[in-house]
Amino acid sequence: MPPYDPSAFPPFAVTVDLVVLTVRRHALCALAVRRGEPPFQGRWALPGGFVRADEDLEAAAARELAEETGLHAHCPAGPPPPYGAHLEQLATYGDPKRDPRMRVVSVAHLVLAPDLPAPTAGGDAHSARWAPVETLLEQDGGLGREGEQSAPLAFDHARILADGVERARSKIEYSSLATAFCPQEFTVGELRRVYEAVWGVALDPRNFHRKVTGTPGFLVPTGGTTTRQGGRPAQLFRAGGATLLNPPMLRPEV
């Protein structure tokens, strides 16, 4: 067998792209950054960047998240830091023509976080903003301001975003991941509004309360109450230890 010759194989780069989702003003929103450099300079895109030679994929995703948005990822098994974000690998995208610069394979990651403040752009991102996912997935991109020509998301980011949104919508059916959109202590009503925003449907409050409080290990009462939503004091909960929900929270048919 001849010795391995690296030069016999064409080089290609690896990037990480981030589908960062949160619930703002009762709507599922994604983070978009305006590209500050070619290709697609001036177009909106998902945050991300090239993987360095000395880092693994998760470290690269966490670094890009911090550099481009000021947010910090945390391991799901550990306590979330202030403005922390759940981070998991989503899928790999390798169309040879997806990047005009060279052959680039992207490993996309899904990031879920509670209602967050306005992001801080960094790296090669000219600006960053939250936008409703339905707006970003519209054919024309939907982010054009008055008098400004809008355009689709750069690269194949519309497909990546759509895949990330569907992952979130399906995963909150059978896992406790919906609590990643909530603060550390939350009410059943706040959790219900997360499900409504992610699924895009209205849920019956009484049935929802019965299901989530009756699912073993899903929610744990903290003993406190809050009036931040107005009206009578509402009981506060935190995420329980269950990672899989039995029975699952089935998505209503629209």
Protein backbone atom coordinates (compact mmCIF):
# COMPACT_ATOMS: atom_id res chain seq x y z
CA MET A 1 0.00 0.00 0.00
CA PRO A 2 1.48 3.39 -0.96
CA PRO A 3 2.07 5.90 1.85
CA TYR A 4 -0.67 8.42 2.61
CA ASP A 5 -0.17 11.60 0.59
CA PRO A 6 -2.25 14.57 1.88
CA SER A 7 -1.52 16.56 -1.29
CA ALA A 8 -3.45 13.99 -3.32
CA PHE A 9 -6.70 15.25 -1.83
CA PRO A 10 -8.16 18.71 -2.52
CA PRO A 11 -8.27 20.92 0.56
CA PHE A 12 -11.55 22.23 1.96
CA ALA A 13 -12.61 24.30 4.93
CA VAL A 14 -15.00 23.56 7.79
CA THR A 15 -17.30 26.19 9.27
CA VAL A 16 -19.90 26.30 12.01
CA ASP A 17 -23.21 28.08 11.47
CA LEU A 18 -25.54 28.87 14.34
CA VAL A 19 -29.33 28.77 14.41
CA VAL A 20 -29.91 30.88 17.52
CA LEU A 21 -33.57 30.84 18.60
CA THR A 22 -35.34 32.71 21.38
CA VAL A 23 -38.87 33.87 22.17
CA ARG A 24 -39.32 37.64 22.06
CA ARG A 25 -42.66 39.42 22.29
CA HIS A 26 -44.45 36.05 22.09
CA ALA A 27 -42.80 35.19 18.75
CA LEU A 28 -40.11 32.66 17.87
CA CYS A 29 -37.13 34.73 16.71
CA ALA A 30 -33.76 33.88 15.22
CA LEU A 31 -30.52 35.79 15.32
CA ALA A 32 -29.36 37.26 12.01
CA VAL A 33 -26.13 39.14 11.32
CA ARG A 34 -25.42 41.46 8.43
CA ARG A 35 -22.23 40.33 6.72
CA GLY A 36 -19.45 42.89 6.81
CA GLU A 37 -17.18 41.17 4.27
CA PRO A 38 -17.52 39.34 0.92
CA PRO A 39 -19.05 37.07 -0.16
CA PHE A 40 -22.62 38.34 0.22
CA GLN A 41 -21.39 41.54 1.86
CA GLY A 42 -24.33 43.47 3.27
CA ARG A 43 -26.65 40.45 3.21
CA TRP A 44 -28.21 38.94 6.31
CA ALA A 45 -26.91 35.54 7.41
CA LEU A 46 -26.75 33.19 10.36
CA PRO A 47 -23.86 33.83 12.74
CA GLY A 48 -20.88 31.53 12.32
CA GLY A 49 -17.35 31.23 11.01
CA PHE A 50 -14.42 28.99 10.19
CA VAL A 51 -13.24 26.26 12.56
CA ARG A 52 -9.68 26.81 13.73
CA ALA A 53 -7.09 24.06 13.35
CA ASP A 54 -6.71 23.61 17.11
CA GLU A 55 -10.39 23.47 18.20
CA ASP A 56 -13.19 20.96 18.04
CA LEU A 57 -16.60 21.74 16.55
CA GLU A 58 -18.43 22.52 19.78
CA ALA A 59 -15.65 24.84 20.93
CA ALA A 60 -15.76 26.62 17.57
CA ALA A 61 -19.54 27.03 17.81
CA ALA A 62 -19.30 28.40 21.36
CA ARG A 63 -16.52 30.80 20.33
CA GLU A 64 -18.43 32.11 17.33
CA LEU A 65 -21.54 32.55 19.46
CA ALA A 66 -19.62 34.65 21.97
CA GLU A 67 -17.66 36.64 19.39
CA GLU A 68 -20.57 37.54 17.12
CA THR A 69 -23.36 37.95 19.68
CA GLY A 70 -21.89 38.26 23.18
CA LEU A 71 -23.87 35.17 24.26
CA HIS A 72 -22.32 32.23 26.09
CA ALA A 73 -23.20 28.58 25.58
CA HIS A 74 -23.44 26.13 28.45
CA CYS A 75 -23.54 22.39 28.82
CA PRO A 76 -27.14 21.19 29.34
CA ALA A 77 -25.99 19.18 32.38
CA GLY A 78 -24.64 22.25 34.18
CA PRO A 79 -26.29 25.35 35.62
CA PRO A 80 -26.90 28.02 32.96
CA PRO A 81 -24.96 31.27 33.36
CA PRO A 82 -26.73 34.61 33.04
CA TYR A 83 -27.90 34.93 29.45
CA GLY A 84 -26.64 31.40 28.81
CA ALA A 85 -27.73 29.34 25.82
CA HIS A 86 -28.38 25.65 25.14
CA LEU A 87 -26.11 24.43 22.33
CA GLU A 88 -26.43 21.21 20.30
CA GLN A 89 -25.25 20.01 16.91
CA LEU A 90 -27.93 20.23 14.23
CA ALA A 91 -26.74 18.88 10.86
CA THR A 92 -23.94 19.01 8.27
CA TYR A 93 -24.20 20.81 4.93
CA GLY A 94 -21.73 20.02 2.16
CA ASP A 95 -23.04 21.11 -1.24
CA PRO A 96 -19.85 21.78 -3.27
CA LYS A 97 -21.27 25.12 -4.47
CA ARG A 98 -22.68 26.40 -1.17
CA ASP A 99 -19.79 28.88 -0.72
CA PRO A 100 -18.34 30.78 -3.72
CA ARG A 101 -14.91 31.10 -2.08
CA MET A 102 -13.93 27.44 -1.94
CA ARG A 103 -15.24 24.02 -0.95
CA VAL A 104 -16.72 24.58 2.52
CA VAL A 105 -18.51 22.07 4.72
CA SER A 106 -20.66 23.59 7.46
CA VAL A 107 -21.60 21.87 10.70
CA ALA A 108 -24.67 23.74 11.90
CA HIS A 109 -25.57 24.04 15.58
CA LEU A 110 -28.87 24.85 17.23
CA VAL A 111 -28.83 27.36 20.08
CA LEU A 112 -31.85 27.95 22.35
CA ALA A 113 -31.96 30.74 24.89
CA PRO A 114 -34.41 32.69 27.07
CA ASP A 115 -35.64 36.14 26.06
CA LEU A 116 -32.35 37.93 25.52
CA PRO A 117 -31.31 41.56 25.16
CA ALA A 118 -30.28 43.03 21.84
CA PRO A 119 -27.15 41.19 20.63
CA THR A 120 -23.77 42.82 20.15
CA ALA A 121 -22.26 42.24 16.73
CA GLY A 122 -18.61 41.28 16.47
CA GLY A 123 -16.16 39.46 14.21
CA ASP A 124 -17.03 40.14 10.58
CA ALA A 125 -20.66 40.88 11.43
CA HIS A 126 -21.60 44.47 10.64
CA SER A 127 -24.75 44.36 12.76
CA ALA A 128 -26.90 41.78 14.48
CA ARG A 129 -30.60 41.62 15.28
CA TRP A 130 -33.42 39.32 16.29
CA ALA A 131 -36.14 38.72 13.70
CA PRO A 132 -39.22 36.47 13.64
CA VAL A 133 -38.33 33.19 11.93
CA GLU A 134 -41.30 33.49 9.58
CA THR A 135 -39.92 36.84 8.38
CA LEU A 136 -36.44 35.43 7.82
CA LEU A 137 -37.79 32.45 5.92
CA GLU A 138 -39.85 34.53 3.51
CA GLN A 139 -38.56 34.32 -0.03
CA ASP A 140 -37.38 37.94 -0.11
CA GLY A 141 -35.56 37.72 3.21
CA GLY A 142 -37.98 40.13 4.85
CA LEU A 143 -35.41 42.30 6.60
CA GLY A 144 -35.25 45.17 4.18
CA ARG A 145 -35.96 48.55 5.74
CA GLU A 146 -37.93 51.29 4.02
CA GLY A 147 -36.28 52.12 0.73
CA GLU A 148 -33.79 49.25 1.09
CA GLN A 149 -33.71 46.25 -1.24
CA SER A 150 -34.09 43.07 0.82
CA ALA A 151 -32.60 39.74 -0.22
CA PRO A 152 -32.67 36.09 0.88
CA LEU A 153 -30.34 34.92 3.59
CA ALA A 154 -26.75 34.41 2.40
CA PHE A 155 -25.35 31.01 1.40
CA ASP A 156 -27.80 28.17 2.15
CA HIS A 157 -28.74 29.68 5.49
CA ALA A 158 -32.48 29.70 4.78
CA ARG A 159 -32.39 25.90 4.56
CA ILE A 160 -30.27 25.64 7.71
CA LEU A 161 -32.64 27.97 9.59
CA ALA A 162 -35.69 25.99 8.45
CA ASP A 163 -34.05 22.75 9.62
CA GLY A 164 -33.22 24.30 13.00
CA VAL A 165 -36.75 25.60 13.51
CA GLU A 166 -38.23 22.20 12.70
CA ARG A 167 -35.75 20.53 15.09
CA ALA A 168 -36.89 22.84 17.88
CA ARG A 169 -40.58 22.36 17.07
CA SER A 170 -40.33 18.57 17.06
CA LYS A 171 -37.95 18.25 20.00
CA ILE A 172 -40.13 20.14 22.48
CA GLU A 173 -42.79 17.49 21.88
CA TYR A 174 -40.83 14.70 23.52
CA SER A 175 -38.15 16.46 25.57
CA SER A 176 -37.96 19.16 28.23
CA LEU A 177 -36.09 21.47 25.85
CA ALA A 178 -38.87 24.08 25.92
CA THR A 179 -37.60 25.13 29.35
CA ALA A 180 -34.39 26.32 27.64
CA PHE A 181 -36.45 29.27 26.36
CA CYS A 182 -37.50 30.18 29.93
CA PRO A 183 -35.70 31.91 32.78
CA GLN A 184 -34.51 29.68 35.63
CA GLU A 185 -37.85 30.20 37.41
CA PHE A 186 -41.00 30.51 35.33
CA THR A 187 -44.75 30.09 35.44
CA VAL A 188 -46.84 27.53 33.56
CA GLY A 189 -48.30 30.43 31.58
CA GLU A 190 -44.82 31.55 30.49
CA LEU A 191 -43.97 27.99 29.44
CA ARG A 192 -47.25 27.74 27.52
CA ARG A 193 -46.40 30.91 25.61
CA VAL A 194 -43.09 29.30 24.61
CA TYR A 195 -44.93 26.33 23.13
CA GLU A 196 -47.37 28.65 21.40
CA ALA A 197 -44.56 30.75 19.91
CA VAL A 198 -42.48 27.78 18.74
CA TRP A 199 -45.43 25.84 17.31
CA GLY A 200 -47.34 28.89 16.08
CA VAL A 201 -50.64 27.73 17.61
CA ALA A 202 -52.88 28.72 20.53
CA LEU A 203 -53.15 26.18 23.35
CA ASP A 204 -55.91 25.71 25.90
CA PRO A 205 -54.50 27.01 29.22
CA ARG A 206 -56.25 24.47 31.45
CA ASN A 207 -55.33 21.44 29.38
CA PHE A 208 -51.74 22.66 29.07
CA HIS A 209 -51.46 23.21 32.84
CA ARG A 210 -52.81 19.72 33.51
CA LYS A 211 -50.41 18.09 31.04
CA VAL A 212 -47.19 19.80 32.10
CA THR A 213 -47.79 19.53 35.85
CA GLY A 214 -48.86 15.89 35.43
CA THR A 215 -45.81 14.83 33.42
CA PRO A 216 -43.29 13.18 35.82
CA GLY A 217 -40.03 15.11 36.20
CA PHE A 218 -40.97 17.93 33.84
CA LEU A 219 -41.53 20.77 36.32
CA VAL A 220 -40.59 21.24 39.98
CA PRO A 221 -42.37 23.87 42.13
CA THR A 222 -39.97 26.39 43.65
CA GLY A 223 -42.35 27.43 46.42
CA GLY A 224 -42.48 31.00 45.15
CA THR A 225 -45.00 33.05 43.21
CA THR A 226 -44.87 36.03 40.89
CA THR A 227 -47.20 38.73 39.61
CA ARG A 228 -44.95 39.81 36.71
CA GLN A 229 -47.61 38.72 34.23
CA GLY A 230 -50.30 40.72 36.02
CA GLY A 231 -53.38 39.39 37.80
CA ARG A 232 -53.25 36.96 40.69
CA PRO A 233 -49.93 35.55 41.92
CA ALA A 234 -48.83 32.61 39.77
CA GLN A 235 -46.83 29.65 41.03
CA LEU A 236 -43.18 29.50 39.99
CA PHE A 237 -41.51 26.35 38.67
CA ARG A 238 -38.08 25.27 37.50
CA ALA A 239 -37.09 22.56 35.06
CA GLY A 240 -37.16 19.09 36.55
CA GLY A 241 -34.68 16.32 35.97
CA ALA A 242 -36.54 14.63 33.12
CA THR A 243 -34.98 14.93 29.68
CA LEU A 244 -37.63 12.85 27.88
CA LEU A 245 -41.33 13.50 28.44
CA ASN A 246 -43.67 10.59 28.98
CA PRO A 247 -46.32 11.12 27.77
CA PRO A 248 -45.03 13.55 25.13
CA MET A 249 -46.51 16.99 24.44
CA LEU A 250 -47.98 16.35 21.01
CA ARG A 251 -48.04 19.26 18.60
CA PRO A 252 -51.59 20.16 17.57
CA GLU A 253 -52.43 19.68 13.91
CA VAL A 254 -52.82 23.05 12.22
